[in-house]
Structures are given as C-alpha cells and as structure tokens.
C-alpha cells in the first residue's frame, strides 16, 4: 500500500504537470487547541496542493490534488475502553492528546461552472486515497498540571493486558495506521464574501476504510483491525438580509446574514476510529451511533469596519441541535438507543485585518450529551487566522 501511494504521488507531482495549462495552486490553514498557549499559536497545519486544468477533458477542469495535514488534536473518552459502553459520570480527567499526520492524493473533476463566481466548481466529482497515522498520549493539561500521568495510567479505564474495544486505535502502544478511499460529489453555488455571503452548497462523500487496506490499530499489534465505512452529507445555506457601506470610506458599516448548516452521517464498522466520527455537537464528539445528524442555525451582525478593511467586530446568535440513533459503535452488546442534544448561545468575534481573531462565547446546553450536565458554558480564545 505504501509503495502504491508513493507511486501515485510521483505521478501527480512529476508527470501530470506536463499536461497542465494553467498553474499550481495551494491553500494553507492552521488549527488550535485550548490547552496549548490559550489557542494563540497553531498546533496543526493543513494544506492542499493542486495542479489545475490538466486538459483531460475539453472545457472541463481536471485537478490533481495532494492534501496534507499534521499536528495535534485533543479528545475525550466517552466510552468505556474495554466494553464500549457509554461513560455516564461527568469527569474532566478523561481527555487525551493525539499527534497525527495525514495525506490524501487523488483527482477533482469540475463539471459545471459556478453561477455565483464563474469558477468551474458548481458540480465537482472527487476521488481520494488517504493514509493517516496517529500516536496518543496524556493530554497537555494533565502533563502540565496533574501529579499523575493521565488517563492512560488509570487502570479503571485501561486495565493491563486487556483488549480495547470502545476505542480500537488505543490498543497496544496506542498508535494506529488507517488507510481509506473517498468518492465524493459536491454542488457549490455560494459566494463566500465575509461581509455579504450568499448562496448554498452541499456534498456527498462515501468513505471506506476496510481491514483489507491494511488498517490495524497498531503496526505490530493486530488483535483488533480498524474496519469501517461512512456516508456523509453536508449542506449549507447563507442569505444576507442587508449591507451598507460607510459614506466616507470604502468599508462596511454593517451587514446582517443568516446561515443554516446541516450534517448527516451514516457510519458502520467493526472497529471505527475516532477521527472518522465527523458530525459533532458544538465541535465535540458525541457517543458514536450509526446515524448522527446536526442542524445549526445562526444570525450574524457584522461591522462596522474600522482602522482598515478586514478589521471589524461580529456578534452571532446561534442554535444547534444534534440527534444520534442506533446501536453504539465499537460495542457488541448494546441495544438500539437515541441521543438528543441542544444548545443556544451568543458569540462575539473581533477580526483584525482578517489575520487575527479573538472571540468569547456564552452557551446554554439545554440537552447535554450523555455523561455531561446541562447548563451554562463559555469559551474564550484568540488565534492567528493563518490562511493563504
């Protein structure tokens, strides 16, 4: 498998540019963790490198892609590792960190021009082959502040010499290698202007990560094999109600827009890794069931811009509801069950030249995930928006 991927990368980077008629493009982004430097400095980086217009089909844009991501993530144990049952007791000491790297190579085929901006991406097909490596360790919070070594030293969760069912990638030495194939289709009719966004987009992705792609939770310990498939649907609609410019400057005075996001996921398999549980509640993983759907509605007031273009406050009122149903994944003995979660909140953002973002949010979880209590919550942070 590794040699096959190396050959694909070589073909993409060396041979395909010979037929390209336009240019080599790239996108770079970064993500942050609340446990590391108050979210100010990035802990992971994501990049996409493509060769546009390979000329395979006349008047259609064929793009060769290489997507790479590397860095660190933080997770919470929501299932008993040995049995896979839900952990109902609230406990902040169930977090752990993961260092990871991921690479995907493949093709993206544009079929119809986008009426919003004229780009050939209204209807796009894609095919990707991916490889992901992870190594889990004690959370940064525990390493910095606790006298113990973290959740992995707690034998109540991780008994010695016991197979881990609930979180299969934490077997053995807690590192994993996961290979996958993704086939997707995307419809994009959206103008993503940060002041007056307008339009809709939606996508379907079919992802398979079967055992025969050499998916094992650890390279040298194959007692449990990662094995899953996923169907993911995402849709978004944005509408700007009004926007007004300042009279004495070419800057925004205010704009008001609404946004609706819908995510639906069907996920099955004998051993499903945490990173494939894509649909989340308030950006946190919920107890994994085969069907999860999340609906988020928000209303944002943007402006006024001051000092420079791209420097402005924004206040957002939002509501989010998540439904999960079916037998628990990574659990052989569970019965059918349903979970419903909901929150409302207000978030204030301050952007500085679109390069730096500071934010504070207050939320009320009126229906919290299993193992967590309903009530007030908040978030606060700041980071550089490293996007090129």
Protein backbone atom coordinates (compact mmCIF):
# COMPACT_ATOMS: atom_id res chain seq x y z
CA UNK A 1 0.00 0.00 0.00
CA UNK A 2 2.75 2.45 0.91
CA UNK A 3 4.61 1.79 -2.35
CA UNK A 4 1.39 2.29 -4.29
CA UNK A 5 0.81 5.69 -2.66
CA UNK A 6 4.39 6.71 -3.33
CA UNK A 7 3.93 5.88 -7.00
CA UNK A 8 0.71 7.91 -7.16
CA UNK A 9 2.36 10.94 -5.56
CA UNK A 10 5.25 10.67 -8.01
CA UNK A 11 2.88 10.63 -10.98
CA UNK A 12 0.93 13.60 -9.67
CA UNK A 13 3.95 15.75 -8.94
CA UNK A 14 6.15 14.89 -11.93
CA UNK A 15 4.19 13.63 -14.91
CA UNK A 16 0.86 15.42 -14.67
CA UNK A 17 2.22 18.99 -14.77
CA UNK A 18 3.31 18.30 -18.33
CA UNK A 19 -0.33 18.43 -19.43
CA UNK A 20 -1.44 21.30 -17.23
CA UNK A 21 -2.44 24.51 -18.98
CA UNK A 22 -2.72 26.88 -16.00
CA UNK A 23 -0.96 26.93 -12.65
CA UNK A 24 -0.05 25.11 -9.46
CA UNK A 25 -2.22 26.25 -6.55
CA UNK A 26 -2.09 25.82 -2.79
CA UNK A 27 -4.17 26.51 0.30
CA UNK A 28 -2.70 26.55 3.79
CA UNK A 29 -4.62 26.70 7.06
CA UNK A 30 -3.98 26.05 10.75
CA UNK A 31 -5.89 24.85 13.83
CA UNK A 32 -5.51 25.45 17.54
CA UNK A 33 -6.06 23.82 20.95
CA UNK A 34 -7.44 25.46 24.10
CA UNK A 35 -4.91 23.51 26.19
CA UNK A 36 -1.95 24.95 24.31
CA UNK A 37 -0.96 28.62 24.76
CA UNK A 38 -4.63 29.70 25.13
CA UNK A 39 -5.26 28.88 21.45
CA UNK A 40 -2.95 31.69 20.30
CA UNK A 41 -0.39 29.53 18.47
CA UNK A 42 -1.24 26.80 15.97
CA UNK A 43 -0.72 23.12 16.76
CA UNK A 44 -1.57 21.67 13.36
CA UNK A 45 -1.37 22.69 9.71
CA UNK A 46 -3.46 21.75 6.71
CA UNK A 47 -2.50 22.28 3.11
CA UNK A 48 -3.89 21.49 -0.32
CA UNK A 49 -1.70 21.48 -3.40
CA UNK A 50 -3.20 21.03 -6.81
CA UNK A 51 -2.42 21.12 -10.50
CA UNK A 52 -5.29 22.82 -12.31
CA UNK A 53 -6.60 22.20 -15.80
CA UNK A 54 -4.81 19.01 -16.77
CA UNK A 55 -6.56 19.06 -20.13
CA UNK A 56 -8.02 15.56 -19.86
CA UNK A 57 -11.47 16.80 -20.95
CA UNK A 58 -12.12 19.77 -23.22
CA UNK A 59 -13.74 22.78 -21.46
CA UNK A 60 -13.71 20.92 -18.12
CA UNK A 61 -11.29 21.49 -15.25
CA UNK A 62 -9.49 18.36 -14.06
CA UNK A 63 -7.38 18.92 -10.96
CA UNK A 64 -4.78 16.67 -9.36
CA UNK A 65 -4.74 17.04 -5.57
CA UNK A 66 -2.36 16.40 -2.72
CA UNK A 67 -3.79 17.21 0.72
CA UNK A 68 -1.60 17.02 3.80
CA UNK A 69 -2.28 17.68 7.48
CA UNK A 70 -0.06 17.22 10.51
CA UNK A 71 -0.20 18.32 14.11
CA UNK A 72 -2.01 17.61 17.35
CA UNK A 73 -5.60 17.06 18.48
CA UNK A 74 -7.38 16.60 21.81
CA UNK A 75 -10.13 14.06 22.52
CA UNK A 76 -12.34 12.90 25.37
CA UNK A 77 -13.04 9.26 26.20
CA UNK A 78 -16.83 8.83 26.02
CA UNK A 79 -16.98 5.02 26.00
CA UNK A 80 -15.51 2.55 28.45
CA UNK A 81 -12.42 1.36 26.56
CA UNK A 82 -12.89 -2.33 27.41
CA UNK A 83 -16.67 -2.73 26.93
CA UNK A 84 -17.58 0.16 24.65
CA UNK A 85 -20.47 1.25 26.93
CA UNK A 86 -21.21 4.95 27.41
CA UNK A 87 -19.49 6.61 30.38
CA UNK A 88 -22.29 8.49 32.17
CA UNK A 89 -20.33 10.04 35.04
CA UNK A 90 -19.01 13.56 34.30
CA UNK A 91 -15.23 13.65 34.58
CA UNK A 92 -12.85 16.21 33.14
CA UNK A 93 -9.93 13.80 33.52
CA UNK A 94 -10.83 11.66 30.51
CA UNK A 95 -9.04 13.79 27.96
CA UNK A 96 -6.03 12.70 25.95
CA UNK A 97 -3.95 14.17 23.13
CA UNK A 98 -3.05 12.79 19.72
CA UNK A 99 -0.22 13.69 17.39
CA UNK A 100 -1.07 12.81 13.79
CA UNK A 101 -0.17 13.13 10.15
CA UNK A 102 -2.44 12.53 7.17
CA UNK A 103 -2.01 12.59 3.44
CA UNK A 104 -4.52 12.26 0.61
CA UNK A 105 -3.88 12.07 -3.13
CA UNK A 106 -6.38 11.99 -5.95
CA UNK A 107 -8.36 13.88 -8.56
CA UNK A 108 -11.09 16.51 -8.62
CA UNK A 109 -13.21 16.85 -11.75
CA UNK A 110 -15.22 20.04 -12.31
CA UNK A 111 -18.28 19.59 -14.50
CA UNK A 112 -20.30 22.83 -14.37
CA UNK A 113 -19.31 26.48 -13.84
CA UNK A 114 -20.45 28.14 -10.61
CA UNK A 115 -23.02 30.86 -11.45
CA UNK A 116 -22.02 32.75 -8.28
CA UNK A 117 -18.41 33.44 -9.26
CA UNK A 118 -17.83 31.80 -12.65
CA UNK A 119 -15.38 29.21 -11.32
CA UNK A 120 -15.71 25.64 -12.66
CA UNK A 121 -16.80 24.18 -9.33
CA UNK A 122 -20.62 24.20 -9.27
CA UNK A 123 -20.62 20.41 -9.74
CA UNK A 124 -17.43 18.58 -8.78
CA UNK A 125 -16.51 14.90 -8.53
CA UNK A 126 -13.53 13.75 -6.49
CA UNK A 127 -11.60 10.57 -5.78
CA UNK A 128 -9.05 10.41 -2.96
CA UNK A 129 -6.78 7.80 -1.37
CA UNK A 130 -5.77 8.62 2.19
CA UNK A 131 -3.28 7.45 4.82
CA UNK A 132 -3.44 8.62 8.45
CA UNK A 133 -1.03 7.87 11.31
CA UNK A 134 -1.75 8.69 14.97
CA UNK A 135 0.00 8.39 18.33
CA UNK A 136 -1.99 9.03 21.52
CA UNK A 137 -0.53 10.32 24.79
CA UNK A 138 -1.63 12.06 28.00
CA UNK A 139 -3.40 15.39 27.45
CA UNK A 140 -1.36 18.58 27.56
CA UNK A 141 -3.46 19.74 30.52
CA UNK A 142 -2.54 16.63 32.53
CA UNK A 143 1.11 16.83 31.58
CA UNK A 144 1.32 20.44 32.74
CA UNK A 145 -0.88 20.40 35.84
CA UNK A 146 -1.53 16.90 37.17
CA UNK A 147 0.54 14.80 39.54
CA UNK A 148 -0.50 11.64 37.71
CA UNK A 149 0.37 10.51 34.22
CA UNK A 150 -3.06 10.99 32.68
CA UNK A 151 -6.00 8.77 31.82
CA UNK A 152 -3.83 6.03 30.29
CA UNK A 153 -2.36 5.35 33.76
CA UNK A 154 -5.84 4.80 35.22
CA UNK A 155 -6.43 1.04 35.32
CA UNK A 156 -10.18 1.62 35.73
CA UNK A 157 -10.18 2.71 32.09
CA UNK A 158 -7.17 0.83 30.74
CA UNK A 159 -6.56 -2.48 32.59
CA UNK A 160 -3.25 -4.12 31.83
CA UNK A 161 -3.13 -6.74 29.07
CA UNK A 162 -6.76 -6.17 28.06
CA UNK A 163 -8.13 -5.66 24.56
CA UNK A 164 -9.61 -2.21 23.94
CA UNK A 165 -12.96 -2.42 22.12
CA UNK A 166 -14.51 1.01 22.71
CA UNK A 167 -11.57 2.93 21.20
CA UNK A 168 -9.82 0.42 18.92
CA UNK A 169 -6.95 2.72 17.93
CA UNK A 170 -5.82 2.83 21.59
CA UNK A 171 -4.85 -0.85 21.63
CA UNK A 172 -1.26 -1.83 22.23
CA UNK A 173 1.13 1.11 22.11
CA UNK A 174 -1.73 3.50 21.22
CA UNK A 175 -0.62 4.33 17.71
CA UNK A 176 -2.52 3.48 14.56
CA UNK A 177 -2.31 3.41 10.78
CA UNK A 178 -5.55 3.99 8.89
CA UNK A 179 -5.98 3.84 5.11
CA UNK A 180 -9.12 4.93 3.27
CA UNK A 181 -10.70 5.63 -0.11
CA UNK A 182 -13.13 8.54 -0.61
CA UNK A 183 -15.52 9.10 -3.51
CA UNK A 184 -17.44 12.37 -3.39
CA UNK A 185 -19.65 14.81 -5.24
CA UNK A 186 -20.09 18.49 -4.40
CA UNK A 187 -22.53 21.19 -5.53
CA UNK A 188 -21.37 24.76 -4.89
CA UNK A 189 -23.48 27.83 -5.60
CA UNK A 190 -22.10 30.13 -2.91
CA UNK A 191 -20.24 33.42 -2.77
CA UNK A 192 -18.21 33.32 0.45
CA UNK A 193 -17.60 37.06 0.78
CA UNK A 194 -17.08 37.65 4.50
CA UNK A 195 -19.37 40.72 4.50
CA UNK A 196 -22.21 39.60 2.23
CA UNK A 197 -22.10 35.79 1.89
CA UNK A 198 -24.84 34.36 -0.29
CA UNK A 199 -25.87 31.01 -1.72
CA UNK A 200 -25.83 27.31 -0.95
CA UNK A 201 -23.62 24.26 -1.23
CA UNK A 202 -23.96 20.58 -0.40
CA UNK A 203 -21.85 17.47 -0.75
CA UNK A 204 -21.95 13.68 -0.50
CA UNK A 205 -18.90 11.62 0.48
CA UNK A 206 -18.58 7.85 0.59
CA UNK A 207 -15.57 6.73 2.64
CA UNK A 208 -14.35 3.17 3.11
CA UNK A 209 -11.59 2.03 5.44
CA UNK A 210 -11.86 -1.78 5.38
CA UNK A 211 -9.49 -4.21 7.05
CA UNK A 212 -8.07 -5.30 3.69
CA UNK A 213 -6.47 -1.85 3.26
CA UNK A 214 -4.02 -2.92 5.98
CA UNK A 215 -5.90 -0.99 8.68
CA UNK A 216 -4.58 -2.01 12.07
CA UNK A 217 -4.71 -0.02 15.31
CA UNK A 218 -1.02 -0.64 15.79
CA UNK A 219 1.51 -1.76 13.23
CA UNK A 220 2.83 -4.59 15.40
CA UNK A 221 -0.34 -5.50 17.32
CA UNK A 222 -3.21 -6.60 15.09
CA UNK A 223 -5.57 -8.09 17.71
CA UNK A 224 -8.24 -5.64 16.53
CA UNK A 225 -8.40 -4.27 12.99
CA UNK A 226 -9.79 -0.86 12.02
CA UNK A 227 -12.73 -1.54 9.71
CA UNK A 228 -15.47 0.95 8.76
CA UNK A 229 -17.44 2.69 6.05
CA UNK A 230 -19.15 6.08 6.11
CA UNK A 231 -21.67 8.08 4.11
CA UNK A 232 -21.51 11.80 4.89
CA UNK A 233 -23.86 14.54 3.69
CA UNK A 234 -23.27 18.24 4.36
CA UNK A 235 -25.35 21.23 3.27
CA UNK A 236 -25.14 24.94 3.96
CA UNK A 237 -27.31 27.92 3.04
CA UNK A 238 -26.44 31.57 3.66
CA UNK A 239 -28.52 34.66 2.96
CA UNK A 240 -27.59 38.31 3.53
CA UNK A 241 -30.58 40.46 4.55
CA UNK A 242 -28.89 43.80 4.10
CA UNK A 243 -25.50 45.51 3.88
CA UNK A 244 -24.47 49.16 3.99
CA UNK A 245 -21.12 50.83 3.31
CA UNK A 246 -19.70 53.76 5.23
CA UNK A 247 -20.32 57.08 3.50
CA UNK A 248 -16.78 58.44 3.82
CA UNK A 249 -14.78 55.24 3.33
CA UNK A 250 -14.80 52.11 1.18
CA UNK A 251 -15.53 49.96 4.21
CA UNK A 252 -18.52 48.10 5.59
CA UNK A 253 -20.80 49.90 8.05
CA UNK A 254 -22.89 46.85 8.88
CA UNK A 255 -24.33 43.71 7.34
CA UNK A 256 -26.72 41.06 8.64
CA UNK A 257 -26.87 37.50 7.38
CA UNK A 258 -28.22 34.13 8.44
CA UNK A 259 -26.63 30.72 7.98
CA UNK A 260 -28.02 27.18 8.15
CA UNK A 261 -25.78 24.10 8.30
CA UNK A 262 -26.96 20.50 8.09
CA UNK A 263 -24.73 17.45 8.54
CA UNK A 264 -25.85 13.81 8.34
CA UNK A 265 -23.65 10.77 8.84
CA UNK A 266 -24.14 7.03 8.44
CA UNK A 267 -21.19 5.21 9.97
CA UNK A 268 -20.79 1.46 10.35
CA UNK A 269 -17.97 -0.97 11.03
CA UNK A 270 -16.48 -3.50 13.41
CA UNK A 271 -13.82 -1.06 14.69
CA UNK A 272 -14.41 2.64 13.96
CA UNK A 273 -11.61 5.13 14.73
CA UNK A 274 -12.41 8.40 16.49
CA UNK A 275 -11.20 10.63 13.66
CA UNK A 276 -13.89 9.29 11.31
CA UNK A 277 -16.74 10.48 13.57
CA UNK A 278 -17.26 13.64 11.56
CA UNK A 279 -20.60 15.01 12.81
CA UNK A 280 -20.19 16.70 16.20
CA UNK A 281 -22.16 18.71 18.75
CA UNK A 282 -20.52 22.08 19.46
CA UNK A 283 -17.38 20.72 17.79
CA UNK A 284 -17.20 17.88 20.33
CA UNK A 285 -17.63 14.19 19.56
CA UNK A 286 -20.85 12.62 20.87
CA UNK A 287 -21.37 8.95 21.84
CA UNK A 288 -20.94 7.23 18.47
CA UNK A 289 -24.07 5.77 16.94
CA UNK A 290 -24.50 4.80 13.27
CA UNK A 291 -26.80 7.72 12.44
CA UNK A 292 -25.97 11.26 13.56
CA UNK A 293 -27.48 14.48 12.23
CA UNK A 294 -26.65 18.01 13.30
CA UNK A 295 -28.58 21.21 12.48
CA UNK A 296 -27.11 24.62 13.24
CA UNK A 297 -28.79 28.00 12.62
CA UNK A 298 -27.14 31.35 13.23
CA UNK A 299 -27.73 35.06 12.71
CA UNK A 300 -24.65 37.31 12.43
CA UNK A 301 -24.32 41.09 12.59
CA UNK A 302 -21.01 42.22 11.05
CA UNK A 303 -19.39 45.63 11.39
CA UNK A 304 -18.52 48.36 11.39
CA UNK A 305 -15.09 48.02 9.83
CA UNK A 306 -12.60 50.41 11.38
CA UNK A 307 -8.93 51.31 11.01
CA UNK A 308 -8.61 49.09 7.92
CA UNK A 309 -10.52 46.75 5.65
CA UNK A 310 -10.93 43.38 7.38
CA UNK A 311 -10.91 44.81 10.93
CA UNK A 312 -14.38 44.54 12.43
CA UNK A 313 -16.49 43.06 15.25
CA UNK A 314 -19.15 40.41 14.69
CA UNK A 315 -21.88 39.18 17.02
CA UNK A 316 -23.59 35.85 16.33
CA UNK A 317 -26.70 34.30 17.89
CA UNK A 318 -26.90 30.56 17.28
CA UNK A 319 -28.87 27.41 17.99
CA UNK A 320 -27.61 23.86 17.42
CA UNK A 321 -29.40 20.51 17.76
CA UNK A 322 -27.92 17.05 17.29
CA UNK A 323 -29.65 13.66 17.04
CA UNK A 324 -27.88 10.30 17.22
CA UNK A 325 -29.59 6.92 16.86
CA UNK A 326 -28.83 3.20 16.59
CA UNK A 327 -26.61 0.69 18.34
CA UNK A 328 -23.43 2.10 19.82
CA UNK A 329 -20.41 1.65 17.59
CA UNK A 330 -17.41 -0.28 18.94
CA UNK A 331 -19.78 -2.17 21.25
CA UNK A 332 -21.00 -5.70 20.61
CA UNK A 333 -23.69 -5.85 23.30
CA UNK A 334 -25.58 -2.54 23.09
CA UNK A 335 -29.25 -2.20 22.16
CA UNK A 336 -30.87 0.45 19.99
CA UNK A 337 -30.79 3.89 21.61
CA UNK A 338 -31.29 7.56 20.81
CA UNK A 339 -29.47 10.67 21.97
CA UNK A 340 -30.63 14.26 21.53
CA UNK A 341 -28.51 17.33 22.33
CA UNK A 342 -29.21 21.04 22.06
CA UNK A 343 -27.63 24.40 22.78
CA UNK A 344 -28.26 28.11 22.27
CA UNK A 345 -25.60 30.77 22.54
CA UNK A 346 -24.11 34.13 21.70
CA UNK A 347 -20.56 34.68 20.42
CA UNK A 348 -18.64 37.92 19.95
CA UNK A 349 -15.73 37.94 17.49
CA UNK A 350 -13.14 40.58 16.71
CA UNK A 351 -11.18 40.25 13.48
CA UNK A 352 -8.05 42.30 12.85
CA UNK A 353 -7.21 42.62 9.16
CA UNK A 354 -8.62 39.10 8.72
CA UNK A 355 -5.31 37.84 10.10
CA UNK A 356 -6.16 37.61 13.80
CA UNK A 357 -9.36 36.56 15.57
CA UNK A 358 -10.34 36.99 19.23
CA UNK A 359 -13.64 35.59 20.50
CA UNK A 360 -15.79 34.97 23.56
CA UNK A 361 -18.92 32.82 23.58
CA UNK A 362 -21.61 32.04 26.14
CA UNK A 363 -23.82 28.96 25.67
CA UNK A 364 -26.65 27.20 27.43
CA UNK A 365 -26.78 23.45 26.82
CA UNK A 366 -30.42 22.59 27.44
CA UNK A 367 -29.79 18.98 26.42
CA UNK A 368 -26.22 17.84 27.05
CA UNK A 369 -24.57 14.64 25.72
CA UNK A 370 -24.56 11.57 27.94
CA UNK A 371 -22.11 11.96 30.80
CA UNK A 372 -22.34 15.76 30.82
CA UNK A 373 -24.64 18.13 32.69
CA UNK A 374 -26.95 20.67 31.09
CA UNK A 375 -26.27 24.30 31.95
CA UNK A 376 -24.13 27.29 31.10
CA UNK A 377 -20.78 27.04 29.35
CA UNK A 378 -18.38 29.51 27.81
CA UNK A 379 -15.38 29.71 25.52
CA UNK A 380 -12.73 32.37 25.10
CA UNK A 381 -9.67 32.48 22.90
CA UNK A 382 -7.65 34.19 20.21
CA UNK A 383 -5.53 32.98 17.32
CA UNK A 384 -3.90 33.94 14.07
CA UNK A 385 -6.07 33.03 11.09
CA UNK A 386 -3.22 31.62 9.02
CA UNK A 387 -4.91 31.12 5.67
CA UNK A 388 -3.34 31.86 2.30
